[in-house]
């Protein structure tokens, strides 16, 4: 999932008609006041789902993916895994 995180936002997918009670999208991004993505939910090129949360200063990322070998990963800004759990 490490390399896939950066590619989540470009993964193509088929989109069906919107339901009145739902929203369909390939990605969801939460932006801070400066327009910087702080959280994202999406699919990578392999169809694996993930949620990424980024610290305010960008020094840490928390990634959650049931498709990854480690379902939960905390990494530093260089991608070094600080903590993980199956």
C-alpha atoms as a PDB file:
ATOM      1  CA  UNK A   1       0.000   0.000   0.000  1.00  0.00           C
ATOM      2  CA  UNK A   2       2.972   2.336   0.516  1.00  0.00           C
ATOM      3  CA  UNK A   3       3.418   3.159  -3.162  1.00  0.00           C
ATOM      4  CA  UNK A   4      -0.264   2.814  -3.840  1.00  0.00           C
ATOM      5  CA  UNK A   5      -1.177   5.666  -1.507  1.00  0.00           C
ATOM      6  CA  UNK A   6       0.080   8.270  -3.959  1.00  0.00           C
ATOM      7  CA  UNK A   7      -1.821   6.624  -6.820  1.00  0.00           C
ATOM      8  CA  UNK A   8      -5.209   6.305  -5.113  1.00  0.00           C
ATOM      9  CA  UNK A   9      -6.517   9.541  -6.488  1.00  0.00           C
ATOM     10  CA  UNK A  10      -5.985   8.535 -10.127  1.00  0.00           C
ATOM     11  CA  UNK A  11      -7.583   5.091 -10.172  1.00  0.00           C
ATOM     12  CA  UNK A  12     -10.265   4.816 -12.885  1.00  0.00           C
ATOM     13  CA  UNK A  13     -13.551   3.069 -12.146  1.00  0.00           C
ATOM     14  CA  UNK A  14     -17.026   2.650 -13.582  1.00  0.00           C
ATOM     15  CA  UNK A  15     -19.618   4.977 -12.129  1.00  0.00           C
ATOM     16  CA  UNK A  16     -23.309   4.134 -12.049  1.00  0.00           C
ATOM     17  CA  UNK A  17     -26.236   6.488 -11.683  1.00  0.00           C
ATOM     18  CA  UNK A  18     -26.397   8.494  -8.466  1.00  0.00           C
ATOM     19  CA  UNK A  19     -29.021   7.471  -5.933  1.00  0.00           C
ATOM     20  CA  UNK A  20     -31.127  10.130  -4.261  1.00  0.00           C
ATOM     21  CA  UNK A  21     -29.902   8.818  -0.885  1.00  0.00           C
ATOM     22  CA  UNK A  22     -26.227   8.362  -1.726  1.00  0.00           C
ATOM     23  CA  UNK A  23     -23.140   9.803  -3.350  1.00  0.00           C
ATOM     24  CA  UNK A  24     -20.879   7.975  -5.801  1.00  0.00           C
ATOM     25  CA  UNK A  25     -17.284   9.020  -6.285  1.00  0.00           C
ATOM     26  CA  UNK A  26     -13.868   7.579  -7.081  1.00  0.00           C
ATOM     27  CA  UNK A  27     -12.324   9.476  -4.191  1.00  0.00           C
ATOM     28  CA  UNK A  28     -13.166  11.629  -1.222  1.00  0.00           C
ATOM     29  CA  UNK A  29     -10.640  14.213  -0.013  1.00  0.00           C
ATOM     30  CA  UNK A  30     -10.744  16.341   3.118  1.00  0.00           C
ATOM     31  CA  UNK A  31      -8.837  19.591   2.554  1.00  0.00           C
ATOM     32  CA  UNK A  32      -7.575  22.038   5.162  1.00  0.00           C
ATOM     33  CA  UNK A  33      -8.007  25.832   4.890  1.00  0.00           C
ATOM     34  CA  UNK A  34      -4.916  26.007   2.637  1.00  0.00           C
ATOM     35  CA  UNK A  35      -6.254  23.402   0.206  1.00  0.00           C
ATOM     36  CA  UNK A  36      -3.858  20.693   1.398  1.00  0.00           C
ATOM     37  CA  UNK A  37      -5.313  17.153   1.471  1.00  0.00           C
ATOM     38  CA  UNK A  38      -5.393  15.972   5.087  1.00  0.00           C
ATOM     39  CA  UNK A  39      -7.518  12.849   4.602  1.00  0.00           C
ATOM     40  CA  UNK A  40      -8.515  10.703   1.680  1.00  0.00           C
ATOM     41  CA  UNK A  41     -10.655   7.680   0.975  1.00  0.00           C
ATOM     42  CA  UNK A  42     -10.250   5.903  -2.337  1.00  0.00           C
ATOM     43  CA  UNK A  43      -9.216   2.930  -4.436  1.00  0.00           C
ATOM     44  CA  UNK A  44      -5.755   2.276  -5.854  1.00  0.00           C
ATOM     45  CA  UNK A  45      -4.966   0.878  -9.325  1.00  0.00           C
ATOM     46  CA  UNK A  46      -5.576  -2.680  -8.047  1.00  0.00           C
ATOM     47  CA  UNK A  47      -9.023  -1.876  -6.649  1.00  0.00           C
ATOM     48  CA  UNK A  48      -7.787  -1.964  -3.047  1.00  0.00           C
ATOM     49  CA  UNK A  49      -9.598   0.434  -0.738  1.00  0.00           C
ATOM     50  CA  UNK A  50      -7.829   2.656   1.748  1.00  0.00           C
ATOM     51  CA  UNK A  51      -8.178   5.582   4.095  1.00  0.00           C
ATOM     52  CA  UNK A  52      -5.228   7.917   4.683  1.00  0.00           C
ATOM     53  CA  UNK A  53      -5.039  10.565   7.408  1.00  0.00           C
ATOM     54  CA  UNK A  54      -2.162  13.069   7.434  1.00  0.00           C
ATOM     55  CA  UNK A  55      -0.920  15.064  10.425  1.00  0.00           C
ATOM     56  CA  UNK A  56      -1.247  18.850  10.357  1.00  0.00           C
ATOM     57  CA  UNK A  57       2.470  19.331   9.684  1.00  0.00           C
ATOM     58  CA  UNK A  58       2.641  16.448   7.183  1.00  0.00           C
ATOM     59  CA  UNK A  59       5.140  14.508   9.284  1.00  0.00           C
ATOM     60  CA  UNK A  60       2.954  11.432   9.834  1.00  0.00           C
ATOM     61  CA  UNK A  61       0.410   9.429   7.857  1.00  0.00           C
ATOM     62  CA  UNK A  62      -2.021   6.884   9.213  1.00  0.00           C
ATOM     63  CA  UNK A  63      -3.168   4.437   6.532  1.00  0.00           C
ATOM     64  CA  UNK A  64      -5.969   1.913   6.909  1.00  0.00           C
ATOM     65  CA  UNK A  65      -6.588  -0.789   4.319  1.00  0.00           C
ATOM     66  CA  UNK A  66      -8.186  -4.198   4.789  1.00  0.00           C
ATOM     67  CA  UNK A  67      -6.517  -5.300   1.537  1.00  0.00           C
ATOM     68  CA  UNK A  68      -2.958  -4.551   2.692  1.00  0.00           C
ATOM     69  CA  UNK A  69      -0.726  -7.023   4.537  1.00  0.00           C
ATOM     70  CA  UNK A  70      -0.746  -4.563   7.448  1.00  0.00           C
ATOM     71  CA  UNK A  71      -4.285  -3.223   7.862  1.00  0.00           C
ATOM     72  CA  UNK A  72      -3.068  -0.226   9.893  1.00  0.00           C
ATOM     73  CA  UNK A  73       0.188   1.660   9.285  1.00  0.00           C
ATOM     74  CA  UNK A  74       1.675   4.803  10.782  1.00  0.00           C
ATOM     75  CA  UNK A  75       4.545   6.206   8.717  1.00  0.00           C
ATOM     76  CA  UNK A  76       6.742   9.295   8.714  1.00  0.00           C
ATOM     77  CA  UNK A  77       6.995  11.826   5.878  1.00  0.00           C
ATOM     78  CA  UNK A  78       9.686   9.698   4.195  1.00  0.00           C
ATOM     79  CA  UNK A  79       7.436   6.645   4.106  1.00  0.00           C
ATOM     80  CA  UNK A  80       9.292   4.812   6.908  1.00  0.00           C
ATOM     81  CA  UNK A  81       6.819   2.692   8.860  1.00  0.00           C
ATOM     82  CA  UNK A  82       6.810   3.743  12.524  1.00  0.00           C
ATOM     83  CA  UNK A  83       4.115   1.287  13.618  1.00  0.00           C
ATOM     84  CA  UNK A  84       1.861  -1.303  11.967  1.00  0.00           C
ATOM     85  CA  UNK A  85      -0.707  -3.928  12.881  1.00  0.00           C
ATOM     86  CA  UNK A  86      -2.221  -6.825  10.995  1.00  0.00           C
END
